[in-house]
Amino acid sequence: MDLNESYHQHQIAVMNAAAATSRPRRERMLDRARGIALDIARFQHGAGAGAAAMWNVPLAARNAA
């Protein structure tokens, strides 16, 4: 996993959500950001970076990771 690219894609999704002109688009972008954050957390956790793994993941997703 290219973490820099993942962080970049996460930030793009967050910015797109903030700029969304409709609720459905905002929700899609936030869902995408959450998915990317979960992927990053799982990767970091698998690599032994447990403290970093929770950088941007909701509590419910943390328990599933």
PDB file of N, CA and C in Angstrom:
ATOM      1  N   MET A   1       0.850  -1.181   0.000  1.00  0.00           N
ATOM      2  CA  MET A   1       0.000   0.000   0.000  1.00  0.00           C
ATOM      3  C   MET A   1       0.887   1.232   0.000  1.00  0.00           C
ATOM      4  N   ASP A   2       0.551   2.165  -0.851  1.00  0.00           N
ATOM      5  CA  ASP A   2       1.247   3.451  -0.890  1.00  0.00           C
ATOM      6  C   ASP A   2       0.497   4.391   0.056  1.00  0.00           C
ATOM      7  N   LEU A   3       1.021   4.553   1.273  1.00  0.00           N
ATOM      8  CA  LEU A   3       0.333   5.370   2.273  1.00  0.00           C
ATOM      9  C   LEU A   3       0.179   6.822   1.835  1.00  0.00           C
ATOM     10  N   ASN A   4       1.183   7.369   1.172  1.00  0.00           N
ATOM     11  CA  ASN A   4       1.055   8.754   0.717  1.00  0.00           C
ATOM     12  C   ASN A   4      -0.118   8.902  -0.240  1.00  0.00           C
ATOM     13  N   GLU A   5      -0.261   7.957  -1.162  1.00  0.00           N
ATOM     14  CA  GLU A   5      -1.385   8.014  -2.099  1.00  0.00           C
ATOM     15  C   GLU A   5      -2.707   7.844  -1.363  1.00  0.00           C
ATOM     16  N   SER A   6      -2.742   6.960  -0.385  1.00  0.00           N
ATOM     17  CA  SER A   6      -3.972   6.749   0.387  1.00  0.00           C
ATOM     18  C   SER A   6      -4.340   7.999   1.181  1.00  0.00           C
ATOM     19  N   TYR A   7      -3.366   8.617   1.824  1.00  0.00           N
ATOM     20  CA  TYR A   7      -3.632   9.861   2.547  1.00  0.00           C
ATOM     21  C   TYR A   7      -4.138  10.940   1.578  1.00  0.00           C
ATOM     22  N   HIS A   8      -3.525  10.989   0.408  1.00  0.00           N
ATOM     23  CA  HIS A   8      -3.931  11.963  -0.607  1.00  0.00           C
ATOM     24  C   HIS A   8      -5.383  11.718  -1.029  1.00  0.00           C
ATOM     25  N   GLN A   9      -5.726  10.482  -1.329  1.00  0.00           N
ATOM     26  CA  GLN A   9      -7.086  10.157  -1.749  1.00  0.00           C
ATOM     27  C   GLN A   9      -8.096  10.450  -0.633  1.00  0.00           C
ATOM     28  N   HIS A  10      -7.695  10.211   0.602  1.00  0.00           N
ATOM     29  CA  HIS A  10      -8.558  10.518   1.744  1.00  0.00           C
ATOM     30  C   HIS A  10      -8.828  12.015   1.804  1.00  0.00           C
ATOM     31  N   GLN A  11      -7.763  12.803   1.670  1.00  0.00           N
ATOM     32  CA  GLN A  11      -7.916  14.254   1.742  1.00  0.00           C
ATOM     33  C   GLN A  11      -8.789  14.770   0.600  1.00  0.00           C
ATOM     34  N   ILE A  12      -8.615  14.231  -0.595  1.00  0.00           N
ATOM     35  CA  ILE A  12      -9.441  14.620  -1.745  1.00  0.00           C
ATOM     36  C   ILE A  12     -10.906  14.320  -1.453  1.00  0.00           C
ATOM     37  N   ALA A  13     -11.190  13.139  -0.911  1.00  0.00           N
ATOM     38  CA  ALA A  13     -12.572  12.771  -0.593  1.00  0.00           C
ATOM     39  C   ALA A  13     -13.166  13.715   0.450  1.00  0.00           C
ATOM     40  N   VAL A  14     -12.396  14.079   1.456  1.00  0.00           N
ATOM     41  CA  VAL A  14     -12.873  15.008   2.487  1.00  0.00           C
ATOM     42  C   VAL A  14     -13.153  16.382   1.874  1.00  0.00           C
ATOM     43  N   MET A  15     -12.252  16.854   1.020  1.00  0.00           N
ATOM     44  CA  MET A  15     -12.459  18.150   0.380  1.00  0.00           C
ATOM     45  C   MET A  15     -13.668  18.118  -0.555  1.00  0.00           C
ATOM     46  N   ASN A  16     -13.823  17.013  -1.285  1.00  0.00           N
ATOM     47  CA  ASN A  16     -14.988  16.886  -2.164  1.00  0.00           C
ATOM     48  C   ASN A  16     -16.283  16.855  -1.359  1.00  0.00           C
ATOM     49  N   ALA A  17     -16.256  16.218  -0.212  1.00  0.00           N
ATOM     50  CA  ALA A  17     -17.444  16.193   0.655  1.00  0.00           C
ATOM     51  C   ALA A  17     -17.776  17.603   1.126  1.00  0.00           C
ATOM     52  N   ALA A  18     -16.762  18.348   1.503  1.00  0.00           N
ATOM     53  CA  ALA A  18     -16.975  19.721   1.978  1.00  0.00           C
ATOM     54  C   ALA A  18     -17.528  20.616   0.876  1.00  0.00           C
ATOM     55  N   ALA A  19     -17.147  20.336  -0.360  1.00  0.00           N
ATOM     56  CA  ALA A  19     -17.579  21.163  -1.482  1.00  0.00           C
ATOM     57  C   ALA A  19     -18.861  20.657  -2.147  1.00  0.00           C
ATOM     58  N   ALA A  20     -19.365  19.540  -1.684  1.00  0.00           N
ATOM     59  CA  ALA A  20     -20.538  18.932  -2.328  1.00  0.00           C
ATOM     60  C   ALA A  20     -21.742  19.867  -2.276  1.00  0.00           C
ATOM     61  N   THR A  21     -22.484  19.871  -3.364  1.00  0.00           N
ATOM     62  CA  THR A  21     -23.678  20.713  -3.436  1.00  0.00           C
ATOM     63  C   THR A  21     -24.953  19.916  -3.202  1.00  0.00           C
ATOM     64  N   SER A  22     -24.814  18.621  -2.956  1.00  0.00           N
ATOM     65  CA  SER A  22     -25.983  17.800  -2.645  1.00  0.00           C
ATOM     66  C   SER A  22     -25.634  16.844  -1.506  1.00  0.00           C
ATOM     67  N   ARG A  23     -26.637  16.524  -0.736  1.00  0.00           N
ATOM     68  CA  ARG A  23     -26.433  15.608   0.386  1.00  0.00           C
ATOM     69  C   ARG A  23     -25.972  14.221  -0.079  1.00  0.00           C
ATOM     70  N   PRO A  24     -26.564  13.651  -1.139  1.00  0.00           N
ATOM     71  CA  PRO A  24     -26.094  12.329  -1.583  1.00  0.00           C
ATOM     72  C   PRO A  24     -24.616  12.321  -1.978  1.00  0.00           C
ATOM     73  N   ARG A  25     -24.180  13.365  -2.668  1.00  0.00           N
ATOM     74  CA  ARG A  25     -22.754  13.420  -3.044  1.00  0.00           C
ATOM     75  C   ARG A  25     -21.881  13.563  -1.812  1.00  0.00           C
ATOM     76  N   ARG A  26     -22.289  14.409  -0.870  1.00  0.00           N
ATOM     77  CA  ARG A  26     -21.520  14.580   0.361  1.00  0.00           C
ATOM     78  C   ARG A  26     -21.398  13.243   1.092  1.00  0.00           C
ATOM     79  N   GLU A  27     -22.508  12.513   1.191  1.00  0.00           N
ATOM     80  CA  GLU A  27     -22.486  11.215   1.877  1.00  0.00           C
ATOM     81  C   GLU A  27     -21.591  10.212   1.152  1.00  0.00           C
ATOM     82  N   ARG A  28     -21.634  10.208  -0.184  1.00  0.00           N
ATOM     83  CA  ARG A  28     -20.759   9.298  -0.949  1.00  0.00           C
ATOM     84  C   ARG A  28     -19.293   9.608  -0.685  1.00  0.00           C
ATOM     85  N   MET A  29     -18.956  10.891  -0.677  1.00  0.00           N
ATOM     86  CA  MET A  29     -17.568  11.282  -0.451  1.00  0.00           C
ATOM     87  C   MET A  29     -17.123  10.971   0.976  1.00  0.00           C
ATOM     88  N   LEU A  30     -18.008  11.186   1.939  1.00  0.00           N
ATOM     89  CA  LEU A  30     -17.666  10.849   3.331  1.00  0.00           C
ATOM     90  C   LEU A  30     -17.526   9.345   3.500  1.00  0.00           C
ATOM     91  N   ASP A  31     -18.378   8.577   2.834  1.00  0.00           N
ATOM     92  CA  ASP A  31     -18.240   7.116   2.876  1.00  0.00           C
ATOM     93  C   ASP A  31     -16.901   6.690   2.283  1.00  0.00           C
ATOM     94  N   ARG A  32     -16.525   7.328   1.182  1.00  0.00           N
ATOM     95  CA  ARG A  32     -15.234   7.016   0.560  1.00  0.00           C
ATOM     96  C   ARG A  32     -14.090   7.355   1.512  1.00  0.00           C
ATOM     97  N   ALA A  33     -14.155   8.517   2.155  1.00  0.00           N
ATOM     98  CA  ALA A  33     -13.105   8.908   3.105  1.00  0.00           C
ATOM     99  C   ALA A  33     -13.030   7.914   4.260  1.00  0.00           C
ATOM    100  N   ARG A  34     -14.186   7.491   4.766  1.00  0.00           N
ATOM    101  CA  ARG A  34     -14.195   6.506   5.864  1.00  0.00           C
ATOM    102  C   ARG A  34     -13.578   5.187   5.422  1.00  0.00           C
ATOM    103  N   GLY A  35     -13.903   4.756   4.215  1.00  0.00           N
ATOM    104  CA  GLY A  35     -13.339   3.502   3.703  1.00  0.00           C
ATOM    105  C   GLY A  35     -11.831   3.570   3.563  1.00  0.00           C
ATOM    106  N   ILE A  36     -11.345   4.678   3.047  1.00  0.00           N
ATOM    107  CA  ILE A  36      -9.897   4.854   2.898  1.00  0.00           C
ATOM    108  C   ILE A  36      -9.233   4.884   4.272  1.00  0.00           C
ATOM    109  N   ALA A  37      -9.843   5.593   5.213  1.00  0.00           N
ATOM    110  CA  ALA A  37      -9.284   5.652   6.574  1.00  0.00           C
ATOM    111  C   ALA A  37      -9.214   4.264   7.194  1.00  0.00           C
ATOM    112  N   LEU A  38     -10.236   3.463   6.972  1.00  0.00           N
ATOM    113  CA  LEU A  38     -10.240   2.105   7.517  1.00  0.00           C
ATOM    114  C   LEU A  38      -9.147   1.262   6.857  1.00  0.00           C
ATOM    115  N   ASP A  39      -8.981   1.401   5.548  1.00  0.00           N
ATOM    116  CA  ASP A  39      -7.903   0.678   4.861  1.00  0.00           C
ATOM    117  C   ASP A  39      -6.545   1.070   5.425  1.00  0.00           C
ATOM    118  N   ILE A  40      -6.336   2.356   5.646  1.00  0.00           N
ATOM    119  CA  ILE A  40      -5.066   2.837   6.208  1.00  0.00           C
ATOM    120  C   ILE A  40      -4.865   2.256   7.607  1.00  0.00           C
ATOM    121  N   ALA A  41      -5.905   2.303   8.417  1.00  0.00           N
ATOM    122  CA  ALA A  41      -5.804   1.786   9.790  1.00  0.00           C
ATOM    123  C   ALA A  41      -5.476   0.306   9.802  1.00  0.00           C
ATOM    124  N   ARG A  42      -6.127  -0.447   8.945  1.00  0.00           N
ATOM    125  CA  ARG A  42      -5.850  -1.890   8.884  1.00  0.00           C
ATOM    126  C   ARG A  42      -4.418  -2.155   8.447  1.00  0.00           C
ATOM    127  N   PHE A  43      -3.958  -1.415   7.455  1.00  0.00           N
ATOM    128  CA  PHE A  43      -2.583  -1.579   6.996  1.00  0.00           C
ATOM    129  C   PHE A  43      -1.599  -1.264   8.115  1.00  0.00           C
ATOM    130  N   GLN A  44      -1.802  -0.124   8.774  1.00  0.00           N
ATOM    131  CA  GLN A  44      -0.892   0.271   9.852  1.00  0.00           C
ATOM    132  C   GLN A  44      -0.924  -0.739  10.991  1.00  0.00           C
ATOM    133  N   HIS A  45      -2.100  -1.188  11.354  1.00  0.00           N
ATOM    134  CA  HIS A  45      -2.213  -2.169  12.429  1.00  0.00           C
ATOM    135  C   HIS A  45      -1.481  -3.459  12.053  1.00  0.00           C
ATOM    136  N   GLY A  46      -1.663  -3.888  10.817  1.00  0.00           N
ATOM    137  CA  GLY A  46      -0.984  -5.094  10.345  1.00  0.00           C
ATOM    138  C   GLY A  46       0.521  -4.949  10.328  1.00  0.00           C
ATOM    139  N   ALA A  47       0.992  -3.727  10.175  1.00  0.00           N
ATOM    140  CA  ALA A  47       2.430  -3.462  10.154  1.00  0.00           C
ATOM    141  C   ALA A  47       2.987  -3.233  11.553  1.00  0.00           C
ATOM    142  N   GLY A  48       2.123  -3.343  12.568  1.00  0.00           N
ATOM    143  CA  GLY A  48       2.590  -3.168  13.939  1.00  0.00           C
ATOM    144  C   GLY A  48       2.564  -1.736  14.426  1.00  0.00           C
ATOM    145  N   ALA A  49       1.868  -0.877  13.716  1.00  0.00           N
ATOM    146  CA  ALA A  49       1.782   0.526  14.111  1.00  0.00           C
ATOM    147  C   ALA A  49       0.441   0.769  14.793  1.00  0.00           C
ATOM    148  N   GLY A  50       0.179   0.043  15.848  1.00  0.00           N
ATOM    149  CA  GLY A  50      -1.110   0.083  16.520  1.00  0.00           C
ATOM    150  C   GLY A  50      -1.572   1.459  16.950  1.00  0.00           C
ATOM    151  N   ALA A  51      -0.693   2.278  17.471  1.00  0.00           N
ATOM    152  CA  ALA A  51      -1.100   3.611  17.928  1.00  0.00           C
ATOM    153  C   ALA A  51      -1.500   4.485  16.748  1.00  0.00           C
ATOM    154  N   ALA A  52      -0.809   4.347  15.640  1.00  0.00           N
ATOM    155  CA  ALA A  52      -1.118   5.156  14.460  1.00  0.00           C
ATOM    156  C   ALA A  52      -2.356   4.649  13.749  1.00  0.00           C
ATOM    157  N   ALA A  53      -2.733   3.417  14.002  1.00  0.00           N
ATOM    158  CA  ALA A  53      -3.825   2.803  13.250  1.00  0.00           C
ATOM    159  C   ALA A  53      -5.165   3.474  13.484  1.00  0.00           C
ATOM    160  N   MET A  54      -5.299   4.226  14.522  1.00  0.00           N
ATOM    161  CA  MET A  54      -6.592   4.826  14.831  1.00  0.00           C
ATOM    162  C   MET A  54      -6.650   6.310  14.495  1.00  0.00           C
ATOM    163  N   TRP A  55      -5.853   6.744  13.561  1.00  0.00           N
ATOM    164  CA  TRP A  55      -5.725   8.161  13.253  1.00  0.00           C
ATOM    165  C   TRP A  55      -7.020   8.809  12.807  1.00  0.00           C
ATOM    166  N   ASN A  56      -7.891   8.079  12.129  1.00  0.00           N
ATOM    167  CA  ASN A  56      -9.103   8.744  11.627  1.00  0.00           C
ATOM    168  C   ASN A  56     -10.228   7.743  11.420  1.00  0.00           C
ATOM    169  N   VAL A  57     -10.356   6.803  12.322  1.00  0.00           N
ATOM    170  CA  VAL A  57     -11.351   5.759  12.155  1.00  0.00           C
ATOM    171  C   VAL A  57     -12.368   5.848  13.278  1.00  0.00           C
ATOM    172  N   PRO A  58     -13.665   5.853  12.937  1.00  0.00           N
ATOM    173  CA  PRO A  58     -14.696   5.889  13.982  1.00  0.00           C
ATOM    174  C   PRO A  58     -14.573   4.686  14.917  1.00  0.00           C
ATOM    175  N   LEU A  59     -15.041   4.848  16.131  1.00  0.00           N
ATOM    176  CA  LEU A  59     -14.922   3.815  17.156  1.00  0.00           C
ATOM    177  C   LEU A  59     -15.485   2.474  16.685  1.00  0.00           C
ATOM    178  N   ALA A  60     -16.643   2.460  16.056  1.00  0.00           N
ATOM    179  CA  ALA A  60     -17.234   1.201  15.612  1.00  0.00           C
ATOM    180  C   ALA A  60     -16.324   0.486  14.625  1.00  0.00           C
ATOM    181  N   ALA A  61     -15.693   1.225  13.735  1.00  0.00           N
ATOM    182  CA  ALA A  61     -14.785   0.632  12.759  1.00  0.00           C
ATOM    183  C   ALA A  61     -13.505   0.134  13.430  1.00  0.00           C
ATOM    184  N   ARG A  62     -13.080   0.810  14.480  1.00  0.00           N
ATOM    185  CA  ARG A  62     -11.885   0.382  15.213  1.00  0.00           C
ATOM    186  C   ARG A  62     -12.091  -1.015  15.765  1.00  0.00           C
ATOM    187  N   ASN A  63     -13.253  -1.249  16.309  1.00  0.00           N
ATOM    188  CA  ASN A  63     -13.531  -2.549  16.900  1.00  0.00           C
ATOM    189  C   ASN A  63     -13.572  -3.660  15.867  1.00  0.00           C
ATOM    190  N   ALA A  64     -13.902  -3.304  14.612  1.00  0.00           N
ATOM    191  CA  ALA A  64     -13.969  -4.288  13.548  1.00  0.00           C
ATOM    192  C   ALA A  64     -12.615  -4.548  12.918  1.00  0.00           C
ATOM    193  N   ALA A  65     -11.670  -3.633  13.118  1.00  0.00           N
ATOM    194  CA  ALA A  65     -10.355  -3.738  12.454  1.00  0.00           C
ATOM    195  C   ALA A  65      -9.515  -4.861  12.996  1.00  0.00           C
TER     196      ALA A  65
END
